[in-house]
Amino acid sequence: MTTPPPQGQNPFAQGQPPAGQPQGQAPYPPQGGYPQQPGQPGFPQQATAPYAPVPPQAPSRRPKFKTIKNVVIVVAVLTAVIGGWIASRDDADHANVGDCLKSASSSSDRMEVVDCTSSGAEAKVVKKIKGHYSQITAETECRKVASATSFYAETGDGDEFLLCLTDV
């Protein structure tokens, strides 16, 4: 048989030393933590995280391959568009009465505008007529022009016209 605990005491209460332990002492030694560093009396040790926070990645100063590729493509497209525009400025569709023309190349039937004092000038525009002309109707139309000796007709590009030409 056991004896009941004295009045007002609970043997299961927290914070009370078990029977046989003197008051004011901890029942167990402290666990965990780190031992006190010499020269630091009275300051408890701070617990450290197992890993330090990772700083954000610094922005890269080197351009990426994708950026370089996109810039090169844009420059190539702009160069092609500008080159095409410059090359088309001298096409026969920009010729007016009084302008001189020469063949664009020996294998092409296209004509381009040149300076009349140029050694490449082959013909001078005497009359420009808008509309669609076949080989026969173009020749017939240019025979009506007194000084015309040849003609140049451009068809199929949407801007159809006939140039009646004379020798330079």
N, C-alpha and C. Protein backbone atom coordinates (compact mmCIF):
# COMPACT_ATOMS: atom_id res chain seq x y z
N MET A 1 0.82 -1.14 0.00
CA MET A 1 0.00 0.00 0.00
C MET A 1 0.89 1.23 0.00
N THR A 2 0.45 2.26 -0.70
CA THR A 2 1.23 3.49 -0.81
C THR A 2 0.58 4.57 0.01
N THR A 3 1.38 5.51 0.35
CA THR A 3 0.84 6.62 1.13
C THR A 3 0.42 7.71 0.18
N PRO A 4 -0.67 8.33 0.47
CA PRO A 4 -1.11 9.42 -0.41
C PRO A 4 -0.18 10.61 -0.28
N PRO A 5 -0.09 11.41 -1.34
CA PRO A 5 0.77 12.59 -1.28
C PRO A 5 0.23 13.58 -0.26
N PRO A 6 1.11 14.41 0.26
CA PRO A 6 0.65 15.40 1.22
C PRO A 6 -0.38 16.32 0.58
N GLN A 7 -1.21 16.95 1.40
CA GLN A 7 -2.25 17.85 0.93
C GLN A 7 -1.65 19.02 0.17
N GLY A 8 -2.25 19.36 -0.99
CA GLY A 8 -1.85 20.54 -1.77
C GLY A 8 -0.70 20.28 -2.72
N GLN A 9 -0.16 19.11 -2.73
CA GLN A 9 0.94 18.82 -3.65
C GLN A 9 0.47 17.81 -4.69
N ASN A 10 0.85 18.06 -5.94
CA ASN A 10 0.53 17.15 -7.03
C ASN A 10 1.82 16.52 -7.52
N PRO A 11 1.97 15.21 -7.41
CA PRO A 11 3.23 14.60 -7.83
C PRO A 11 3.43 14.65 -9.33
N PHE A 12 2.38 14.92 -10.11
CA PHE A 12 2.49 14.95 -11.57
C PHE A 12 2.64 16.35 -12.13
N ALA A 13 2.72 17.33 -11.27
CA ALA A 13 2.81 18.73 -11.70
C ALA A 13 4.16 18.98 -12.33
N GLN A 14 4.19 19.83 -13.36
CA GLN A 14 5.42 20.20 -14.05
C GLN A 14 6.19 21.20 -13.20
N GLY A 15 7.52 21.17 -13.35
CA GLY A 15 8.35 22.17 -12.71
C GLY A 15 8.69 21.84 -11.27
N GLN A 16 8.14 20.82 -10.72
CA GLN A 16 8.49 20.46 -9.35
C GLN A 16 9.53 19.36 -9.41
N PRO A 17 10.53 19.45 -8.58
CA PRO A 17 11.55 18.42 -8.62
C PRO A 17 10.98 17.11 -8.10
N PRO A 18 11.46 16.00 -8.67
CA PRO A 18 11.00 14.72 -8.16
C PRO A 18 11.46 14.55 -6.72
N ALA A 19 10.85 13.62 -6.08
CA ALA A 19 11.19 13.36 -4.67
C ALA A 19 12.65 12.99 -4.56
N GLY A 20 13.31 13.53 -3.62
CA GLY A 20 14.72 13.23 -3.40
C GLY A 20 15.64 14.23 -4.02
N GLN A 21 15.15 15.19 -4.83
CA GLN A 21 15.98 16.22 -5.45
C GLN A 21 15.87 17.47 -4.60
N PRO A 22 16.98 18.11 -4.35
CA PRO A 22 16.90 19.35 -3.58
C PRO A 22 16.31 20.46 -4.42
N GLN A 23 15.68 21.41 -3.79
CA GLN A 23 15.10 22.55 -4.48
C GLN A 23 16.21 23.41 -5.07
N GLY A 24 15.98 24.02 -6.29
CA GLY A 24 16.91 24.97 -6.89
C GLY A 24 17.88 24.32 -7.86
N GLN A 25 17.91 23.03 -7.98
CA GLN A 25 18.79 22.39 -8.96
C GLN A 25 17.93 21.82 -10.07
N ALA A 26 18.48 21.83 -11.25
CA ALA A 26 17.77 21.25 -12.39
C ALA A 26 17.87 19.74 -12.29
N PRO A 27 16.79 19.04 -12.63
CA PRO A 27 16.83 17.60 -12.51
C PRO A 27 17.77 16.95 -13.52
N TYR A 28 17.97 17.60 -14.68
CA TYR A 28 18.84 17.04 -15.73
C TYR A 28 19.77 18.12 -16.21
N PRO A 29 20.95 17.75 -16.70
CA PRO A 29 21.83 18.79 -17.24
C PRO A 29 21.27 19.33 -18.55
N PRO A 30 21.58 20.60 -18.94
CA PRO A 30 21.04 21.15 -20.19
C PRO A 30 21.60 20.37 -21.38
N GLN A 31 20.75 20.23 -22.40
CA GLN A 31 21.16 19.49 -23.59
C GLN A 31 21.18 20.42 -24.79
N GLY A 32 21.95 20.03 -25.82
CA GLY A 32 22.02 20.80 -27.05
C GLY A 32 22.81 22.06 -26.86
N GLY A 33 22.84 22.88 -27.87
CA GLY A 33 23.58 24.13 -27.79
C GLY A 33 25.07 23.89 -27.88
N TYR A 34 25.82 24.91 -27.70
CA TYR A 34 27.26 24.85 -27.80
C TYR A 34 27.84 25.32 -26.48
N PRO A 35 29.04 24.86 -26.16
CA PRO A 35 29.64 25.32 -24.91
C PRO A 35 29.97 26.80 -25.00
N GLN A 36 30.04 27.43 -23.87
CA GLN A 36 30.33 28.85 -23.79
C GLN A 36 31.74 29.10 -24.31
N GLN A 37 31.91 30.16 -25.11
CA GLN A 37 33.23 30.54 -25.60
C GLN A 37 33.96 31.27 -24.49
N PRO A 38 35.25 31.04 -24.39
CA PRO A 38 35.98 31.79 -23.38
C PRO A 38 35.97 33.28 -23.72
N GLY A 39 35.89 34.09 -22.73
CA GLY A 39 35.87 35.54 -22.94
C GLY A 39 34.48 36.06 -23.20
N GLN A 40 33.47 35.24 -23.19
CA GLN A 40 32.10 35.66 -23.43
C GLN A 40 31.21 35.27 -22.25
N PRO A 41 31.56 35.59 -21.08
CA PRO A 41 30.75 35.14 -19.94
C PRO A 41 29.40 35.82 -19.93
N GLY A 42 28.40 35.07 -19.58
CA GLY A 42 27.07 35.62 -19.39
C GLY A 42 26.25 35.77 -20.65
N PHE A 43 26.79 35.53 -21.84
CA PHE A 43 26.01 35.66 -23.08
C PHE A 43 25.64 34.28 -23.56
N PRO A 44 24.38 34.00 -23.72
CA PRO A 44 24.01 32.67 -24.20
C PRO A 44 24.36 32.54 -25.68
N GLN A 45 24.65 31.34 -26.09
CA GLN A 45 24.98 31.07 -27.49
C GLN A 45 23.72 31.18 -28.35
N GLN A 46 23.87 31.74 -29.55
CA GLN A 46 22.76 31.85 -30.48
C GLN A 46 22.74 30.59 -31.35
N ALA A 47 21.58 30.04 -31.57
CA ALA A 47 21.47 28.89 -32.45
C ALA A 47 21.61 29.38 -33.89
N THR A 48 22.35 28.67 -34.73
CA THR A 48 22.53 29.07 -36.12
C THR A 48 21.75 28.13 -37.01
N ALA A 49 21.31 28.65 -38.15
CA ALA A 49 20.60 27.84 -39.12
C ALA A 49 21.58 26.88 -39.77
N PRO A 50 21.14 25.73 -40.21
CA PRO A 50 22.08 24.79 -40.83
C PRO A 50 22.66 25.32 -42.14
N TYR A 51 21.93 26.21 -42.86
CA TYR A 51 22.42 26.78 -44.11
C TYR A 51 22.18 28.27 -44.10
N ALA A 52 23.13 28.99 -44.64
CA ALA A 52 22.97 30.43 -44.74
C ALA A 52 22.06 30.72 -45.94
N PRO A 53 21.32 31.83 -45.94
CA PRO A 53 20.47 32.15 -47.09
C PRO A 53 21.34 32.41 -48.32
N VAL A 54 20.85 31.99 -49.48
CA VAL A 54 21.57 32.15 -50.73
C VAL A 54 21.27 33.54 -51.27
N PRO A 55 22.30 34.32 -51.57
CA PRO A 55 22.03 35.65 -52.14
C PRO A 55 21.46 35.52 -53.54
N PRO A 56 20.67 36.49 -54.01
CA PRO A 56 20.12 36.41 -55.37
C PRO A 56 21.25 36.45 -56.39
N GLN A 57 21.01 35.80 -57.51
CA GLN A 57 22.02 35.74 -58.56
C GLN A 57 22.17 37.11 -59.21
N ALA A 58 23.41 37.52 -59.38
CA ALA A 58 23.68 38.82 -60.00
C ALA A 58 23.28 38.77 -61.47
N PRO A 59 22.72 39.86 -62.01
CA PRO A 59 22.35 39.85 -63.43
C PRO A 59 23.59 39.69 -64.30
N SER A 60 23.43 38.90 -65.34
CA SER A 60 24.55 38.60 -66.24
C SER A 60 24.79 39.78 -67.17
N ARG A 61 26.02 40.13 -67.34
CA ARG A 61 26.38 41.23 -68.25
C ARG A 61 26.59 40.72 -69.68
N ARG A 62 26.84 39.41 -69.82
CA ARG A 62 27.04 38.85 -71.15
C ARG A 62 25.71 38.64 -71.84
N PRO A 63 25.56 39.11 -73.08
CA PRO A 63 24.30 38.87 -73.77
C PRO A 63 24.15 37.38 -74.08
N LYS A 64 22.95 36.92 -74.04
CA LYS A 64 22.66 35.52 -74.30
C LYS A 64 22.63 35.26 -75.80
N PHE A 65 22.83 34.01 -76.19
CA PHE A 65 22.86 33.62 -77.60
C PHE A 65 21.55 33.99 -78.30
N LYS A 66 20.42 33.78 -77.62
CA LYS A 66 19.12 34.07 -78.21
C LYS A 66 19.00 35.56 -78.55
N THR A 67 19.48 36.42 -77.67
CA THR A 67 19.42 37.86 -77.90
C THR A 67 20.28 38.24 -79.10
N ILE A 68 21.49 37.69 -79.15
CA ILE A 68 22.39 38.00 -80.27
C ILE A 68 21.77 37.52 -81.58
N LYS A 69 21.20 36.30 -81.58
CA LYS A 69 20.58 35.75 -82.79
C LYS A 69 19.44 36.64 -83.26
N ASN A 70 18.60 37.10 -82.34
CA ASN A 70 17.46 37.95 -82.73
C ASN A 70 17.93 39.29 -83.29
N VAL A 71 18.97 39.86 -82.72
CA VAL A 71 19.50 41.13 -83.23
C VAL A 71 20.06 40.94 -84.65
N VAL A 72 20.79 39.84 -84.87
CA VAL A 72 21.36 39.58 -86.19
C VAL A 72 20.25 39.39 -87.22
N ILE A 73 19.17 38.69 -86.85
CA ILE A 73 18.06 38.49 -87.79
C ILE A 73 17.40 39.82 -88.14
N VAL A 74 17.18 40.67 -87.15
CA VAL A 74 16.54 41.97 -87.41
C VAL A 74 17.42 42.82 -88.32
N VAL A 75 18.73 42.83 -88.06
CA VAL A 75 19.65 43.62 -88.90
C VAL A 75 19.67 43.07 -90.33
N ALA A 76 19.66 41.75 -90.49
CA ALA A 76 19.67 41.16 -91.83
C ALA A 76 18.40 41.50 -92.60
N VAL A 77 17.26 41.43 -91.94
CA VAL A 77 15.99 41.75 -92.60
C VAL A 77 15.95 43.23 -93.00
N LEU A 78 16.37 44.10 -92.09
CA LEU A 78 16.39 45.54 -92.42
C LEU A 78 17.34 45.83 -93.57
N THR A 79 18.50 45.19 -93.60
CA THR A 79 19.44 45.38 -94.69
C THR A 79 18.85 44.94 -96.01
N ALA A 80 18.15 43.80 -96.02
CA ALA A 80 17.53 43.32 -97.26
C ALA A 80 16.43 44.26 -97.74
N VAL A 81 15.63 44.76 -96.81
CA VAL A 81 14.54 45.67 -97.18
C VAL A 81 15.09 46.99 -97.72
N ILE A 82 16.07 47.54 -97.03
CA ILE A 82 16.65 48.81 -97.48
C ILE A 82 17.38 48.63 -98.80
N GLY A 83 18.12 47.53 -98.93
CA GLY A 83 18.82 47.26 -100.20
C GLY A 83 17.85 47.10 -101.36
N GLY A 84 16.75 46.40 -101.11
CA GLY A 84 15.73 46.23 -102.16
C GLY A 84 15.09 47.55 -102.54
N TRP A 85 14.85 48.39 -101.54
CA TRP A 85 14.25 49.70 -101.84
C TRP A 85 15.21 50.56 -102.66
N ILE A 86 16.48 50.56 -102.28
CA ILE A 86 17.46 51.36 -103.03
C ILE A 86 17.60 50.85 -104.45
N ALA A 87 17.63 49.53 -104.60
CA ALA A 87 17.77 48.96 -105.94
C ALA A 87 16.54 49.24 -106.81
N SER A 88 15.36 49.31 -106.21
CA SER A 88 14.15 49.52 -107.00
C SER A 88 13.94 50.99 -107.37
N ARG A 89 14.69 51.90 -106.77
CA ARG A 89 14.49 53.32 -107.09
C ARG A 89 14.86 53.62 -108.54
N ASP A 90 15.73 52.80 -109.11
CA ASP A 90 16.17 53.06 -110.47
C ASP A 90 15.40 52.24 -111.50
N ASP A 91 14.36 51.54 -111.10
CA ASP A 91 13.60 50.73 -112.04
C ASP A 91 12.87 51.63 -113.04
N ALA A 92 12.51 51.03 -114.15
CA ALA A 92 11.85 51.77 -115.23
C ALA A 92 10.50 52.33 -114.81
N ASP A 93 9.87 51.74 -113.79
CA ASP A 93 8.56 52.28 -113.39
C ASP A 93 8.67 53.67 -112.77
N HIS A 94 9.87 54.11 -112.45
CA HIS A 94 10.09 55.46 -111.93
C HIS A 94 10.54 56.43 -113.02
N ALA A 95 10.63 55.94 -114.23
CA ALA A 95 11.09 56.78 -115.35
C ALA A 95 10.01 57.77 -115.76
N ASN A 96 10.45 58.96 -116.12
CA ASN A 96 9.56 60.00 -116.64
C ASN A 96 10.05 60.42 -118.01
N VAL A 97 9.23 61.21 -118.71
CA VAL A 97 9.62 61.71 -120.02
C VAL A 97 10.90 62.52 -119.87
N GLY A 98 11.91 62.23 -120.69
CA GLY A 98 13.19 62.92 -120.64
C GLY A 98 14.27 62.11 -119.91
N ASP A 99 13.90 61.08 -119.15
CA ASP A 99 14.89 60.23 -118.47
C ASP A 99 15.52 59.26 -119.45
N CYS A 100 16.73 58.85 -119.14
CA CYS A 100 17.43 57.87 -119.97
C CYS A 100 17.43 56.52 -119.27
N LEU A 101 17.46 55.45 -120.07
CA LEU A 101 17.41 54.08 -119.55
C LEU A 101 18.56 53.26 -120.10
N LYS A 102 18.89 52.20 -119.37
CA LYS A 102 19.81 51.20 -119.85
C LYS A 102 19.30 49.84 -119.40
N SER A 103 19.77 48.78 -120.03
CA SER A 103 19.37 47.43 -119.62
C SER A 103 19.93 47.17 -118.24
N ALA A 104 19.12 46.53 -117.38
CA ALA A 104 19.55 46.25 -116.02
C ALA A 104 20.71 45.25 -116.02
N SER A 105 20.69 44.28 -116.92
CA SER A 105 21.80 43.35 -117.08
C SER A 105 21.70 42.75 -118.48
N SER A 106 22.76 42.10 -118.91
CA SER A 106 22.76 41.56 -120.27
C SER A 106 21.78 40.40 -120.42
N SER A 107 21.45 39.71 -119.32
CA SER A 107 20.53 38.57 -119.38
C SER A 107 19.10 38.96 -119.00
N SER A 108 18.86 40.23 -118.75
CA SER A 108 17.54 40.66 -118.31
C SER A 108 16.93 41.60 -119.33
N ASP A 109 15.60 41.57 -119.42
CA ASP A 109 14.91 42.51 -120.30
C ASP A 109 14.40 43.71 -119.51
N ARG A 110 14.79 43.82 -118.26
CA ARG A 110 14.38 44.95 -117.41
C ARG A 110 15.28 46.15 -117.69
N MET A 111 14.72 47.33 -117.50
CA MET A 111 15.45 48.57 -117.74
C MET A 111 15.54 49.34 -116.42
N GLU A 112 16.58 50.17 -116.32
CA GLU A 112 16.71 51.04 -115.15
C GLU A 112 17.11 52.43 -115.58
N VAL A 113 16.73 53.41 -114.73
CA VAL A 113 16.99 54.82 -115.03
C VAL A 113 18.46 55.12 -114.77
N VAL A 114 19.09 55.84 -115.70
CA VAL A 114 20.48 56.29 -115.55
C VAL A 114 20.57 57.75 -115.98
N ASP A 115 21.68 58.36 -115.68
CA ASP A 115 21.94 59.74 -116.11
C ASP A 115 22.16 59.74 -117.62
N CYS A 116 21.60 60.71 -118.31
CA CYS A 116 21.71 60.75 -119.77
C CYS A 116 23.14 60.99 -120.25
N THR A 117 24.00 61.55 -119.39
CA THR A 117 25.40 61.76 -119.78
C THR A 117 26.23 60.51 -119.53
N SER A 118 25.63 59.49 -118.92
CA SER A 118 26.34 58.25 -118.62
C SER A 118 26.64 57.48 -119.91
N SER A 119 27.76 56.76 -119.92
CA SER A 119 28.10 55.98 -121.10
C SER A 119 27.18 54.77 -121.25
N GLY A 120 26.47 54.38 -120.19
CA GLY A 120 25.56 53.23 -120.26
C GLY A 120 24.18 53.57 -120.77
N ALA A 121 23.87 54.86 -120.95
CA ALA A 121 22.54 55.26 -121.41
C ALA A 121 22.30 54.71 -122.81
N GLU A 122 21.17 54.00 -122.99
CA GLU A 122 20.85 53.37 -124.27
C GLU A 122 19.68 54.02 -124.97
N ALA A 123 18.70 54.54 -124.18
CA ALA A 123 17.51 55.11 -124.79
C ALA A 123 16.97 56.22 -123.90
N LYS A 124 16.19 57.10 -124.54
CA LYS A 124 15.58 58.22 -123.81
C LYS A 124 14.07 58.09 -123.92
N VAL A 125 13.35 58.36 -122.79
CA VAL A 125 11.90 58.24 -122.76
C VAL A 125 11.29 59.44 -123.47
N VAL A 126 10.46 59.15 -124.47
CA VAL A 126 9.79 60.20 -125.22
C VAL A 126 8.34 60.35 -124.73
N LYS A 127 7.70 59.22 -124.37
CA LYS A 127 6.32 59.26 -123.91
C LYS A 127 6.11 58.10 -122.95
N LYS A 128 5.33 58.35 -121.87
CA LYS A 128 4.97 57.30 -120.92
C LYS A 128 3.44 57.20 -120.89
N ILE A 129 2.96 55.96 -121.12
CA ILE A 129 1.51 55.74 -121.18
C ILE A 129 1.16 54.63 -120.18
N LYS A 130 0.20 54.91 -119.32
CA LYS A 130 -0.25 53.90 -118.34
C LYS A 130 -1.24 52.95 -119.01
N GLY A 131 -1.20 51.69 -118.57
CA GLY A 131 -2.14 50.69 -119.09
C GLY A 131 -1.41 49.43 -119.51
N HIS A 132 -2.20 48.42 -119.88
CA HIS A 132 -1.66 47.13 -120.30
C HIS A 132 -1.50 47.11 -121.82
N TYR A 133 -0.30 46.74 -122.26
CA TYR A 133 -0.03 46.68 -123.69
C TYR A 133 0.67 45.37 -124.01
N SER A 134 0.19 44.72 -125.07
CA SER A 134 0.87 43.52 -125.57
C SER A 134 1.97 43.99 -126.52
N GLN A 135 2.72 43.05 -127.02
CA GLN A 135 3.83 43.38 -127.94
C GLN A 135 3.30 44.15 -129.16
N ILE A 136 2.21 43.71 -129.73
CA ILE A 136 1.67 44.33 -130.95
C ILE A 136 1.06 45.70 -130.64
N THR A 137 0.25 45.79 -129.59
CA THR A 137 -0.40 47.08 -129.29
C THR A 137 0.62 48.11 -128.82
N ALA A 138 1.70 47.69 -128.14
CA ALA A 138 2.73 48.63 -127.69
C ALA A 138 3.47 49.21 -128.90
N GLU A 139 3.79 48.36 -129.86
CA GLU A 139 4.50 48.83 -131.06
C GLU A 139 3.61 49.79 -131.85
N THR A 140 2.33 49.46 -131.96
CA THR A 140 1.39 50.31 -132.69
C THR A 140 1.25 51.66 -132.01
N GLU A 141 1.17 51.67 -130.69
CA GLU A 141 0.99 52.92 -129.94
C GLU A 141 2.22 53.81 -130.07
N CYS A 142 3.43 53.23 -129.99
CA CYS A 142 4.65 54.04 -130.05
C CYS A 142 4.95 54.52 -131.47
N ARG A 143 4.40 53.90 -132.52
CA ARG A 143 4.58 54.38 -133.89
C ARG A 143 3.87 55.72 -134.10
N LYS A 144 2.89 55.98 -133.21
CA LYS A 144 2.18 57.25 -133.30
C LYS A 144 3.03 58.42 -132.80
N VAL A 145 4.09 58.11 -132.03
CA VAL A 145 4.99 59.14 -131.51
C VAL A 145 6.09 59.33 -132.56
N ALA A 146 6.28 60.56 -133.03
CA ALA A 146 7.16 60.85 -134.17
C ALA A 146 8.60 60.42 -133.94
N SER A 147 9.22 60.70 -132.81
CA SER A 147 10.64 60.42 -132.61
C SER A 147 10.92 59.06 -131.98
N ALA A 148 9.90 58.28 -131.68
CA ALA A 148 10.10 56.98 -131.01
C ALA A 148 10.67 55.96 -131.98
N THR A 149 11.71 55.25 -131.51
CA THR A 149 12.33 54.21 -132.34
C THR A 149 12.15 52.82 -131.71
N SER A 150 11.80 52.77 -130.42
CA SER A 150 11.58 51.48 -129.75
C SER A 150 10.63 51.72 -128.58
N PHE A 151 10.34 50.66 -127.87
CA PHE A 151 9.43 50.79 -126.73
C PHE A 151 9.85 49.81 -125.63
N TYR A 152 9.32 50.08 -124.46
CA TYR A 152 9.50 49.18 -123.31
C TYR A 152 8.17 49.12 -122.59
N ALA A 153 7.62 47.91 -122.46
CA ALA A 153 6.33 47.73 -121.78
C ALA A 153 6.54 46.86 -120.55
N GLU A 154 5.95 47.28 -119.47
CA GLU A 154 6.02 46.48 -118.25
C GLU A 154 4.60 46.07 -117.88
N THR A 155 4.40 44.77 -117.74
CA THR A 155 3.07 44.25 -117.42
C THR A 155 3.16 43.24 -116.28
N GLY A 156 2.03 43.03 -115.62
CA GLY A 156 1.92 41.98 -114.62
C GLY A 156 2.31 42.36 -113.21
N ASP A 157 2.92 43.49 -112.97
CA ASP A 157 3.32 43.87 -111.61
C ASP A 157 2.27 44.73 -110.92
N GLY A 158 1.14 44.94 -111.53
CA GLY A 158 0.11 45.80 -110.96
C GLY A 158 0.24 47.21 -111.51
N ASP A 159 1.46 47.71 -111.68
CA ASP A 159 1.69 49.03 -112.26
C ASP A 159 2.14 48.81 -113.70
N GLU A 160 1.17 48.75 -114.61
CA GLU A 160 1.48 48.47 -116.02
C GLU A 160 1.60 49.78 -116.79
N PHE A 161 2.60 49.83 -117.67
CA PHE A 161 2.83 51.05 -118.43
C PHE A 161 3.61 50.72 -119.70
N LEU A 162 3.68 51.73 -120.56
CA LEU A 162 4.41 51.62 -121.82
C LEU A 162 5.31 52.84 -121.93
N LEU A 163 6.59 52.61 -122.25
CA LEU A 163 7.52 53.71 -122.48
C LEU A 163 7.91 53.70 -123.95
N CYS A 164 7.66 54.81 -124.65
CA CYS A 164 8.11 54.96 -126.02
C CYS A 164 9.50 55.61 -125.95
N LEU A 165 10.48 54.99 -126.62
CA LEU A 165 11.88 55.38 -126.47
C LEU A 165 12.47 55.84 -127.79
N THR A 166 13.51 56.65 -127.67
CA THR A 166 14.31 57.06 -128.82
C THR A 166 15.78 56.81 -128.48
N ASP A 167 16.61 56.67 -129.49
CA ASP A 167 18.04 56.43 -129.25
C ASP A 167 18.69 57.68 -128.64
N VAL A 168 19.73 57.45 -127.83
CA VAL A 168 20.45 58.55 -127.20
C VAL A 168 21.55 59.01 -128.13
